[in-house]
Amino acid sequence: MTSQHSDASDDGPSTLDLLWGVRGRPRRGPRPKLDLDAVLDAAIGVADAEGLEAVTMQRVARELGFTTMSLYRYVQGKEQLVELMTDAALDAAPEPPGGAGWRDELRGWVRAMYAALLRRPWLLYAQMYGPPRGPRQLSWLEAAAGPLRRAGLGAEHTMAVASYLSISVMGMARVAAELRQVHEESGATHVQLDAGYTGVLRRAASTGRYPAIGALLAEEGPDGFGPPSEEGEAGAFGDLGPDLDFAVERLLDGVEAFTSAPAGRKAPDGGDGADGADDPGHG
């Protein structure tokens, strides 16, 4: 969802400048009939309709009714275009409800990011070159950092947990988006897909090489690993909602346990202290 590259150029503002609204001095000559916002809107429209792979300088120019060369007045190339349109297309992080605790804020953050990515799944396929630096992307970091700091995490651990949450949500959203694509292309329901995968696992477990998977299947029962979420595909989480919800809750449990532990029991790297190995509350 984020991209970053070296884009120093004498030909115009850098990507960072453009992300933050610095457009540079207007060039001499007739007033241009295009502007960067129109270019980004056209590129986002193509991605919404056909996916990110359909976005090229030629295609965007054709959508706008201009020559390809005319776009280079506004962006240096496709790589810069994709980074700019990725930030422009992403919803800004929602404001948390008043009076919400830090855990509720992070639950809402996860759900909102997941929903935003599924509304525009092509965002999940943008090349990542570094941490977020656009205003909308940074709004999500800001919205996660606040409650994590109030939970009691220091700066380093706040960044680590915020990054882990973001990457986890992106991964789950990508799987959900691809499952939806399989459903649309094949007509298979989530129940059928789940049954098919359960069959694969049963076949693997029957070889005796995967005893833990066999134990999971025996515990789960003949129907596999359960039906999709009651919310269905239109829900905030879709079929992967319960999995994401469970994982996030356990992560938040860990944050709470870590920040509640005596200072002497916290290792510098965020793990358990040396005396925590035999403590039932650790490990």
C-alpha atoms as a PDB file:
ATOM      1  CA  MET A   1       0.000   0.000   0.000  1.00  0.00           C
ATOM      2  CA  THR A   2       2.972   2.255   0.279  1.00  0.00           C
ATOM      3  CA  SER A   3       5.741   3.040  -2.150  1.00  0.00           C
ATOM      4  CA  GLN A   4       8.792   5.167  -1.915  1.00  0.00           C
ATOM      5  CA  HIS A   5      11.673   5.738  -4.258  1.00  0.00           C
ATOM      6  CA  SER A   6      14.373   8.214  -5.078  1.00  0.00           C
ATOM      7  CA  ASP A   7      12.779  10.704  -7.444  1.00  0.00           C
ATOM      8  CA  ALA A   8      15.038  13.703  -7.347  1.00  0.00           C
ATOM      9  CA  SER A   9      14.696  15.439 -10.681  1.00  0.00           C
ATOM     10  CA  ASP A  10      15.253  18.793 -12.277  1.00  0.00           C
ATOM     11  CA  ASP A  11      12.097  18.245 -14.305  1.00  0.00           C
ATOM     12  CA  GLY A  12       9.599  18.975 -11.566  1.00  0.00           C
ATOM     13  CA  PRO A  13       8.621  18.475  -7.923  1.00  0.00           C
ATOM     14  CA  SER A  14       9.531  15.239  -6.196  1.00  0.00           C
ATOM     15  CA  THR A  15       6.930  12.631  -5.305  1.00  0.00           C
ATOM     16  CA  LEU A  16       7.054  13.789  -1.699  1.00  0.00           C
ATOM     17  CA  ASP A  17       6.348  17.365  -2.788  1.00  0.00           C
ATOM     18  CA  LEU A  18       3.437  16.253  -4.947  1.00  0.00           C
ATOM     19  CA  LEU A  19       1.987  14.090  -2.178  1.00  0.00           C
ATOM     20  CA  TRP A  20       1.871  17.129   0.058  1.00  0.00           C
ATOM     21  CA  GLY A  21       0.472  19.521  -2.525  1.00  0.00           C
ATOM     22  CA  VAL A  22       3.660  21.247  -3.699  1.00  0.00           C
ATOM     23  CA  ARG A  23       3.113  21.684  -7.419  1.00  0.00           C
ATOM     24  CA  GLY A  24       6.079  23.881  -8.295  1.00  0.00           C
ATOM     25  CA  ARG A  25       6.103  27.082 -10.251  1.00  0.00           C
ATOM     26  CA  PRO A  26       3.914  27.192 -13.348  1.00  0.00           C
ATOM     27  CA  ARG A  27       5.812  27.007 -16.592  1.00  0.00           C
ATOM     28  CA  ARG A  28       5.643  29.683 -19.232  1.00  0.00           C
ATOM     29  CA  GLY A  29       3.214  29.304 -22.073  1.00  0.00           C
ATOM     30  CA  PRO A  30      -0.507  28.716 -22.364  1.00  0.00           C
ATOM     31  CA  ARG A  31      -2.387  27.704 -19.262  1.00  0.00           C
ATOM     32  CA  PRO A  32      -2.495  23.891 -19.207  1.00  0.00           C
ATOM     33  CA  LYS A  33      -5.836  22.208 -19.774  1.00  0.00           C
ATOM     34  CA  LEU A  34      -4.911  19.396 -17.392  1.00  0.00           C
ATOM     35  CA  ASP A  35      -3.838  19.284 -13.766  1.00  0.00           C
ATOM     36  CA  LEU A  36      -2.424  16.602 -11.508  1.00  0.00           C
ATOM     37  CA  ASP A  37      -5.744  15.946  -9.787  1.00  0.00           C
ATOM     38  CA  ALA A  38      -7.391  15.152 -13.120  1.00  0.00           C
ATOM     39  CA  VAL A  39      -4.554  12.783 -14.000  1.00  0.00           C
ATOM     40  CA  LEU A  40      -4.897  10.990 -10.662  1.00  0.00           C
ATOM     41  CA  ASP A  41      -8.683  10.785 -10.949  1.00  0.00           C
ATOM     42  CA  ALA A  42      -8.372   9.191 -14.378  1.00  0.00           C
ATOM     43  CA  ALA A  43      -5.753   6.708 -13.187  1.00  0.00           C
ATOM     44  CA  ILE A  44      -7.866   5.767 -10.162  1.00  0.00           C
ATOM     45  CA  GLY A  45     -10.871   5.276 -12.432  1.00  0.00           C
ATOM     46  CA  VAL A  46      -8.931   2.834 -14.591  1.00  0.00           C
ATOM     47  CA  ALA A  47      -7.697   0.920 -11.526  1.00  0.00           C
ATOM     48  CA  ASP A  48     -11.193   0.770 -10.019  1.00  0.00           C
ATOM     49  CA  ALA A  49     -12.616  -0.635 -13.240  1.00  0.00           C
ATOM     50  CA  GLU A  50      -9.846  -2.961 -14.408  1.00  0.00           C
ATOM     51  CA  GLY A  51      -7.202  -3.275 -11.710  1.00  0.00           C
ATOM     52  CA  LEU A  52      -3.817  -1.697 -11.184  1.00  0.00           C
ATOM     53  CA  GLU A  53      -2.202  -3.674 -13.999  1.00  0.00           C
ATOM     54  CA  ALA A  54      -4.367  -1.764 -16.488  1.00  0.00           C
ATOM     55  CA  VAL A  55      -2.888   1.581 -15.418  1.00  0.00           C
ATOM     56  CA  THR A  56      -0.290   2.813 -17.895  1.00  0.00           C
ATOM     57  CA  MET A  57       0.697   6.271 -18.975  1.00  0.00           C
ATOM     58  CA  GLN A  58      -0.776   5.562 -22.404  1.00  0.00           C
ATOM     59  CA  ARG A  59      -4.087   4.361 -20.999  1.00  0.00           C
ATOM     60  CA  VAL A  60      -4.504   7.296 -18.639  1.00  0.00           C
ATOM     61  CA  ALA A  61      -3.696   9.732 -21.421  1.00  0.00           C
ATOM     62  CA  ARG A  62      -6.288   8.080 -23.626  1.00  0.00           C
ATOM     63  CA  GLU A  63      -8.908   8.343 -20.888  1.00  0.00           C
ATOM     64  CA  LEU A  64      -8.195  12.071 -20.636  1.00  0.00           C
ATOM     65  CA  GLY A  65      -8.061  12.639 -24.396  1.00  0.00           C
ATOM     66  CA  PHE A  66      -4.437  13.818 -24.348  1.00  0.00           C
ATOM     67  CA  THR A  67      -1.172  12.494 -25.676  1.00  0.00           C
ATOM     68  CA  THR A  68       0.999  10.317 -23.486  1.00  0.00           C
ATOM     69  CA  MET A  69       3.786  12.895 -23.542  1.00  0.00           C
ATOM     70  CA  SER A  70       1.450  15.510 -22.095  1.00  0.00           C
ATOM     71  CA  LEU A  71       1.203  13.516 -18.839  1.00  0.00           C
ATOM     72  CA  TYR A  72       4.928  13.894 -18.217  1.00  0.00           C
ATOM     73  CA  ARG A  73       4.237  17.529 -17.426  1.00  0.00           C
ATOM     74  CA  TYR A  74       2.563  16.311 -14.233  1.00  0.00           C
ATOM     75  CA  VAL A  75       4.252  13.014 -13.306  1.00  0.00           C
ATOM     76  CA  GLN A  76       7.658  11.587 -14.103  1.00  0.00           C
ATOM     77  CA  GLY A  77       6.353   8.145 -15.017  1.00  0.00           C
ATOM     78  CA  LYS A  78       4.170   5.258 -13.955  1.00  0.00           C
ATOM     79  CA  GLU A  79       6.039   4.574 -10.722  1.00  0.00           C
ATOM     80  CA  GLN A  80       5.437   8.081  -9.462  1.00  0.00           C
ATOM     81  CA  LEU A  81       1.860   8.014 -10.759  1.00  0.00           C
ATOM     82  CA  VAL A  82       1.100   4.832  -8.812  1.00  0.00           C
ATOM     83  CA  GLU A  83       2.444   6.213  -5.546  1.00  0.00           C
ATOM     84  CA  LEU A  84       0.438   9.404  -5.913  1.00  0.00           C
ATOM     85  CA  MET A  85      -2.793   7.649  -6.889  1.00  0.00           C
ATOM     86  CA  THR A  86      -2.386   5.104  -4.079  1.00  0.00           C
ATOM     87  CA  ASP A  87      -2.414   7.812  -1.451  1.00  0.00           C
ATOM     88  CA  ALA A  88      -5.182   9.756  -3.192  1.00  0.00           C
ATOM     89  CA  ALA A  89      -7.424   6.672  -3.477  1.00  0.00           C
ATOM     90  CA  LEU A  90      -7.020   5.509   0.113  1.00  0.00           C
ATOM     91  CA  ASP A  91      -9.687   6.625   2.547  1.00  0.00           C
ATOM     92  CA  ALA A  92      -8.352   8.767   5.360  1.00  0.00           C
ATOM     93  CA  ALA A  93      -8.386   7.045   8.735  1.00  0.00           C
ATOM     94  CA  PRO A  94     -11.709   7.615  10.519  1.00  0.00           C
ATOM     95  CA  GLU A  95     -11.934   9.665  13.676  1.00  0.00           C
ATOM     96  CA  PRO A  96     -12.348   7.401  16.723  1.00  0.00           C
ATOM     97  CA  PRO A  97     -15.589   7.697  18.698  1.00  0.00           C
ATOM     98  CA  GLY A  98     -15.388   9.927  21.722  1.00  0.00           C
ATOM     99  CA  GLY A  99     -14.577   8.176  24.963  1.00  0.00           C
ATOM    100  CA  ALA A 100     -13.384   4.954  23.316  1.00  0.00           C
ATOM    101  CA  GLY A 101     -10.660   3.021  25.083  1.00  0.00           C
ATOM    102  CA  TRP A 102      -7.407   2.226  23.335  1.00  0.00           C
ATOM    103  CA  ARG A 103      -8.481  -1.329  22.519  1.00  0.00           C
ATOM    104  CA  ASP A 104     -11.770  -0.204  20.996  1.00  0.00           C
ATOM    105  CA  GLU A 105      -9.936   2.403  18.932  1.00  0.00           C
ATOM    106  CA  LEU A 106      -7.589  -0.226  17.512  1.00  0.00           C
ATOM    107  CA  ARG A 107     -10.431  -2.655  16.813  1.00  0.00           C
ATOM    108  CA  GLY A 108     -12.163   0.098  14.861  1.00  0.00           C
ATOM    109  CA  TRP A 109      -8.909   0.971  13.089  1.00  0.00           C
ATOM    110  CA  VAL A 110      -8.443  -2.626  11.922  1.00  0.00           C
ATOM    111  CA  ARG A 111     -12.013  -2.943  10.706  1.00  0.00           C
ATOM    112  CA  ALA A 112     -11.914   0.389   8.896  1.00  0.00           C
ATOM    113  CA  MET A 113      -8.627  -0.375   7.135  1.00  0.00           C
ATOM    114  CA  TYR A 114      -9.811  -3.829   6.124  1.00  0.00           C
ATOM    115  CA  ALA A 115     -13.027  -2.413   4.668  1.00  0.00           C
ATOM    116  CA  ALA A 116     -11.187   0.399   2.865  1.00  0.00           C
ATOM    117  CA  LEU A 117      -8.812  -2.066   1.203  1.00  0.00           C
ATOM    118  CA  LEU A 118     -11.615  -4.363   0.097  1.00  0.00           C
ATOM    119  CA  ARG A 119     -13.419  -1.414  -1.462  1.00  0.00           C
ATOM    120  CA  ARG A 120     -10.358  -0.868  -3.646  1.00  0.00           C
ATOM    121  CA  PRO A 121      -8.403  -4.140  -3.645  1.00  0.00           C
ATOM    122  CA  TRP A 122      -5.962  -2.885  -6.276  1.00  0.00           C
ATOM    123  CA  LEU A 123      -4.366  -0.848  -3.490  1.00  0.00           C
ATOM    124  CA  LEU A 124      -3.020  -4.154  -2.174  1.00  0.00           C
ATOM    125  CA  TYR A 125      -0.949  -4.678  -5.327  1.00  0.00           C
ATOM    126  CA  ALA A 126       0.916  -1.363  -5.385  1.00  0.00           C
ATOM    127  CA  GLN A 127       4.672  -1.873  -5.092  1.00  0.00           C
ATOM    128  CA  MET A 128       6.083  -1.147  -1.635  1.00  0.00           C
ATOM    129  CA  TYR A 129       9.446   0.575  -1.443  1.00  0.00           C
ATOM    130  CA  GLY A 130       9.353   1.914   2.084  1.00  0.00           C
ATOM    131  CA  PRO A 131       7.181   3.175   4.937  1.00  0.00           C
ATOM    132  CA  PRO A 132       4.139   5.406   4.356  1.00  0.00           C
ATOM    133  CA  ARG A 133       4.808   9.045   3.572  1.00  0.00           C
ATOM    134  CA  GLY A 134       1.632  10.390   1.977  1.00  0.00           C
ATOM    135  CA  PRO A 135      -0.914  12.367   4.024  1.00  0.00           C
ATOM    136  CA  ARG A 136      -3.666   9.757   3.893  1.00  0.00           C
ATOM    137  CA  GLN A 137      -1.334   6.868   4.594  1.00  0.00           C
ATOM    138  CA  LEU A 138       0.147   8.764   7.517  1.00  0.00           C
ATOM    139  CA  SER A 139      -3.364   9.407   8.853  1.00  0.00           C
ATOM    140  CA  TRP A 140      -3.580   5.647   9.482  1.00  0.00           C
ATOM    141  CA  LEU A 141      -0.251   5.605  11.299  1.00  0.00           C
ATOM    142  CA  GLU A 142      -1.393   8.552  13.389  1.00  0.00           C
ATOM    143  CA  ALA A 143      -4.689   6.826  14.211  1.00  0.00           C
ATOM    144  CA  ALA A 144      -2.871   3.679  15.382  1.00  0.00           C
ATOM    145  CA  ALA A 145      -0.046   5.423  17.236  1.00  0.00           C
ATOM    146  CA  GLY A 146      -2.355   7.386  19.521  1.00  0.00           C
ATOM    147  CA  PRO A 147      -4.077   4.429  21.217  1.00  0.00           C
ATOM    148  CA  LEU A 148      -0.867   2.382  21.309  1.00  0.00           C
ATOM    149  CA  ARG A 149       0.868   5.199  23.156  1.00  0.00           C
ATOM    150  CA  ARG A 150      -2.058   5.452  25.561  1.00  0.00           C
ATOM    151  CA  ALA A 151      -1.770   1.716  26.123  1.00  0.00           C
ATOM    152  CA  GLY A 152       1.701   2.402  27.485  1.00  0.00           C
ATOM    153  CA  LEU A 153       4.023   1.480  24.632  1.00  0.00           C
ATOM    154  CA  GLY A 154       7.159   3.476  23.948  1.00  0.00           C
ATOM    155  CA  ALA A 155       8.034   4.927  20.569  1.00  0.00           C
ATOM    156  CA  GLU A 156       9.914   1.902  19.186  1.00  0.00           C
ATOM    157  CA  HIS A 157       7.277  -0.620  20.221  1.00  0.00           C
ATOM    158  CA  THR A 158       4.455   1.627  19.012  1.00  0.00           C
ATOM    159  CA  MET A 159       5.962   1.681  15.532  1.00  0.00           C
ATOM    160  CA  ALA A 160       6.552  -2.078  15.612  1.00  0.00           C
ATOM    161  CA  VAL A 161       2.983  -2.942  16.602  1.00  0.00           C
ATOM    162  CA  ALA A 162       1.447  -0.394  14.213  1.00  0.00           C
ATOM    163  CA  SER A 163       3.499  -1.828  11.346  1.00  0.00           C
ATOM    164  CA  TYR A 164       2.557  -5.382  12.265  1.00  0.00           C
ATOM    165  CA  LEU A 165      -1.145  -4.513  12.438  1.00  0.00           C
ATOM    166  CA  SER A 166      -1.026  -2.749   9.081  1.00  0.00           C
ATOM    167  CA  ILE A 167       0.802  -5.590   7.329  1.00  0.00           C
ATOM    168  CA  SER A 168      -1.510  -8.185   8.900  1.00  0.00           C
ATOM    169  CA  VAL A 169      -4.649  -6.369   7.771  1.00  0.00           C
ATOM    170  CA  MET A 170      -3.234  -5.968   4.269  1.00  0.00           C
ATOM    171  CA  GLY A 171      -2.417  -9.666   4.087  1.00  0.00           C
ATOM    172  CA  MET A 172      -5.866 -10.760   5.234  1.00  0.00           C
ATOM    173  CA  ALA A 173      -7.544  -8.272   2.913  1.00  0.00           C
ATOM    174  CA  ARG A 174      -5.540  -9.579  -0.033  1.00  0.00           C
ATOM    175  CA  VAL A 175      -6.550 -13.171   0.694  1.00  0.00           C
ATOM    176  CA  ALA A 176     -10.185 -12.113   1.073  1.00  0.00           C
ATOM    177  CA  ALA A 177     -10.059 -10.172  -2.195  1.00  0.00           C
ATOM    178  CA  GLU A 178      -8.580 -13.131  -4.041  1.00  0.00           C
ATOM    179  CA  LEU A 179     -11.190 -15.488  -2.570  1.00  0.00           C
ATOM    180  CA  ARG A 180     -13.864 -13.143  -3.843  1.00  0.00           C
ATOM    181  CA  GLN A 181     -12.272 -13.208  -7.263  1.00  0.00           C
ATOM    182  CA  VAL A 182     -12.267 -17.010  -7.243  1.00  0.00           C
ATOM    183  CA  HIS A 183     -15.927 -16.938  -6.246  1.00  0.00           C
ATOM    184  CA  GLU A 184     -16.794 -14.528  -9.047  1.00  0.00           C
ATOM    185  CA  GLU A 185     -14.887 -16.491 -11.669  1.00  0.00           C
ATOM    186  CA  SER A 186     -15.915 -19.995 -10.622  1.00  0.00           C
ATOM    187  CA  GLY A 187     -19.266 -19.449  -8.944  1.00  0.00           C
ATOM    188  CA  ALA A 188     -18.084 -21.546  -5.990  1.00  0.00           C
ATOM    189  CA  THR A 189     -19.485 -20.570  -2.607  1.00  0.00           C
ATOM    190  CA  HIS A 190     -17.378 -20.091   0.501  1.00  0.00           C
ATOM    191  CA  VAL A 191     -18.805 -23.341   1.863  1.00  0.00           C
ATOM    192  CA  GLN A 192     -17.645 -25.169  -1.272  1.00  0.00           C
ATOM    193  CA  LEU A 193     -14.208 -23.554  -1.165  1.00  0.00           C
ATOM    194  CA  ASP A 194     -13.857 -24.448   2.498  1.00  0.00           C
ATOM    195  CA  ALA A 195     -14.924 -28.036   1.825  1.00  0.00           C
ATOM    196  CA  GLY A 196     -12.447 -28.301  -1.022  1.00  0.00           C
ATOM    197  CA  TYR A 197      -9.567 -27.093   1.114  1.00  0.00           C
ATOM    198  CA  THR A 198     -10.591 -29.380   3.970  1.00  0.00           C
ATOM    199  CA  GLY A 199     -10.356 -32.245   1.493  1.00  0.00           C
ATOM    200  CA  VAL A 200      -6.817 -31.186   0.595  1.00  0.00           C
ATOM    201  CA  LEU A 201      -5.851 -31.146   4.269  1.00  0.00           C
ATOM    202  CA  ARG A 202      -7.438 -34.528   4.920  1.00  0.00           C
ATOM    203  CA  ARG A 203      -5.530 -36.042   2.026  1.00  0.00           C
ATOM    204  CA  ALA A 204      -2.264 -34.573   3.340  1.00  0.00           C
ATOM    205  CA  ALA A 205      -2.981 -35.723   6.897  1.00  0.00           C
ATOM    206  CA  SER A 206      -3.711 -39.267   5.704  1.00  0.00           C
ATOM    207  CA  THR A 207      -0.059 -39.643   4.707  1.00  0.00           C
ATOM    208  CA  GLY A 208       0.990 -39.466   8.357  1.00  0.00           C
ATOM    209  CA  ARG A 209       3.481 -36.675   7.624  1.00  0.00           C
ATOM    210  CA  TYR A 210       1.300 -33.929   9.134  1.00  0.00           C
ATOM    211  CA  PRO A 211       0.139 -35.108  12.560  1.00  0.00           C
ATOM    212  CA  ALA A 212      -0.687 -31.622  13.859  1.00  0.00           C
ATOM    213  CA  ILE A 213      -2.937 -30.935  10.855  1.00  0.00           C
ATOM    214  CA  GLY A 214      -4.564 -34.330  11.386  1.00  0.00           C
ATOM    215  CA  ALA A 215      -5.255 -33.458  15.016  1.00  0.00           C
ATOM    216  CA  LEU A 216      -6.825 -30.156  13.979  1.00  0.00           C
ATOM    217  CA  LEU A 217      -9.104 -31.917  11.521  1.00  0.00           C
ATOM    218  CA  ALA A 218     -10.116 -34.517  14.109  1.00  0.00           C
ATOM    219  CA  GLU A 219     -10.950 -31.804  16.613  1.00  0.00           C
ATOM    220  CA  GLU A 220     -12.878 -29.679  14.129  1.00  0.00           C
ATOM    221  CA  GLY A 221     -15.162 -32.446  12.929  1.00  0.00           C
ATOM    222  CA  PRO A 222     -16.448 -33.620   9.541  1.00  0.00           C
ATOM    223  CA  ASP A 223     -17.483 -30.197   8.262  1.00  0.00           C
ATOM    224  CA  GLY A 224     -13.979 -28.744   8.248  1.00  0.00           C
ATOM    225  CA  PHE A 225     -13.165 -25.396   9.754  1.00  0.00           C
ATOM    226  CA  GLY A 226     -16.610 -23.909   9.937  1.00  0.00           C
ATOM    227  CA  PRO A 227     -18.921 -21.791   7.755  1.00  0.00           C
ATOM    228  CA  PRO A 228     -18.184 -18.248   6.632  1.00  0.00           C
ATOM    229  CA  SER A 229     -19.081 -15.271   8.758  1.00  0.00           C
ATOM    230  CA  GLU A 230     -22.779 -14.581   9.168  1.00  0.00           C
ATOM    231  CA  GLU A 231     -22.088 -11.154   7.722  1.00  0.00           C
ATOM    232  CA  GLY A 232     -21.144 -12.773   4.398  1.00  0.00           C
ATOM    233  CA  GLU A 233     -19.097 -11.032   1.768  1.00  0.00           C
ATOM    234  CA  ALA A 234     -20.775  -7.679   2.345  1.00  0.00           C
ATOM    235  CA  GLY A 235     -19.797  -7.561   6.007  1.00  0.00           C
ATOM    236  CA  ALA A 236     -17.028  -5.374   7.377  1.00  0.00           C
ATOM    237  CA  PHE A 237     -14.796  -8.413   7.671  1.00  0.00           C
ATOM    238  CA  GLY A 238     -16.342 -10.771   5.134  1.00  0.00           C
ATOM    239  CA  ASP A 239     -15.467 -14.435   5.396  1.00  0.00           C
ATOM    240  CA  LEU A 240     -12.101 -13.807   7.101  1.00  0.00           C
ATOM    241  CA  GLY A 241     -13.557 -11.575   9.793  1.00  0.00           C
ATOM    242  CA  PRO A 242     -13.541 -14.073  12.647  1.00  0.00           C
ATOM    243  CA  ASP A 243      -9.915 -15.010  11.931  1.00  0.00           C
ATOM    244  CA  LEU A 244      -8.786 -11.400  11.830  1.00  0.00           C
ATOM    245  CA  ASP A 245     -10.823 -10.491  14.892  1.00  0.00           C
ATOM    246  CA  PHE A 246      -9.369 -13.353  16.936  1.00  0.00           C
ATOM    247  CA  ALA A 247      -5.781 -12.574  15.927  1.00  0.00           C
ATOM    248  CA  VAL A 248      -6.132  -8.871  16.702  1.00  0.00           C
ATOM    249  CA  GLU A 249      -7.638  -9.582  20.118  1.00  0.00           C
ATOM    250  CA  ARG A 250      -4.723 -11.826  21.030  1.00  0.00           C
ATOM    251  CA  LEU A 251      -2.244  -9.186  19.885  1.00  0.00           C
ATOM    252  CA  LEU A 252      -4.002  -6.575  22.012  1.00  0.00           C
ATOM    253  CA  ASP A 253      -3.938  -9.002  24.946  1.00  0.00           C
ATOM    254  CA  GLY A 254      -0.189  -9.206  24.478  1.00  0.00           C
ATOM    255  CA  VAL A 255       0.192  -5.423  24.381  1.00  0.00           C
ATOM    256  CA  GLU A 256      -1.847  -5.115  27.556  1.00  0.00           C
ATOM    257  CA  ALA A 257       0.140  -7.823  29.335  1.00  0.00           C
ATOM    258  CA  PHE A 258       3.423  -6.263  28.244  1.00  0.00           C
ATOM    259  CA  THR A 259       2.558  -2.757  29.381  1.00  0.00           C
ATOM    260  CA  SER A 260       1.162  -4.075  32.676  1.00  0.00           C
ATOM    261  CA  ALA A 261       4.256  -6.137  33.524  1.00  0.00           C
ATOM    262  CA  PRO A 262       6.766  -4.762  36.038  1.00  0.00           C
ATOM    263  CA  ALA A 263       9.500  -2.808  34.318  1.00  0.00           C
ATOM    264  CA  GLY A 264      12.184  -5.249  35.460  1.00  0.00           C
ATOM    265  CA  ARG A 265      10.488  -8.106  33.662  1.00  0.00           C
ATOM    266  CA  LYS A 266      10.580  -6.475  30.211  1.00  0.00           C
ATOM    267  CA  ALA A 267      13.574  -7.311  28.068  1.00  0.00           C
ATOM    268  CA  PRO A 268      15.027  -4.418  26.027  1.00  0.00           C
ATOM    269  CA  ASP A 269      13.808  -6.025  22.792  1.00  0.00           C
ATOM    270  CA  GLY A 270      10.254  -6.282  24.044  1.00  0.00           C
ATOM    271  CA  GLY A 271      10.455  -9.962  24.997  1.00  0.00           C
ATOM    272  CA  ASP A 272      10.247 -11.501  28.448  1.00  0.00           C
ATOM    273  CA  GLY A 273      12.934 -10.759  30.980  1.00  0.00           C
ATOM    274  CA  ALA A 274      15.408 -13.444  31.923  1.00  0.00           C
ATOM    275  CA  ASP A 275      13.379 -14.367  35.027  1.00  0.00           C
ATOM    276  CA  GLY A 276      10.139 -14.750  33.031  1.00  0.00           C
ATOM    277  CA  ALA A 277      10.814 -18.178  31.523  1.00  0.00           C
ATOM    278  CA  ASP A 278       9.249 -20.095  34.424  1.00  0.00           C
ATOM    279  CA  ASP A 279       6.449 -17.622  35.056  1.00  0.00           C
ATOM    280  CA  PRO A 280       3.052 -19.015  33.890  1.00  0.00           C
ATOM    281  CA  GLY A 281       2.076 -15.523  32.839  1.00  0.00           C
ATOM    282  CA  HIS A 282       4.904 -15.293  30.343  1.00  0.00           C
ATOM    283  CA  GLY A 283       5.996 -17.195  27.284  1.00  0.00           C
END
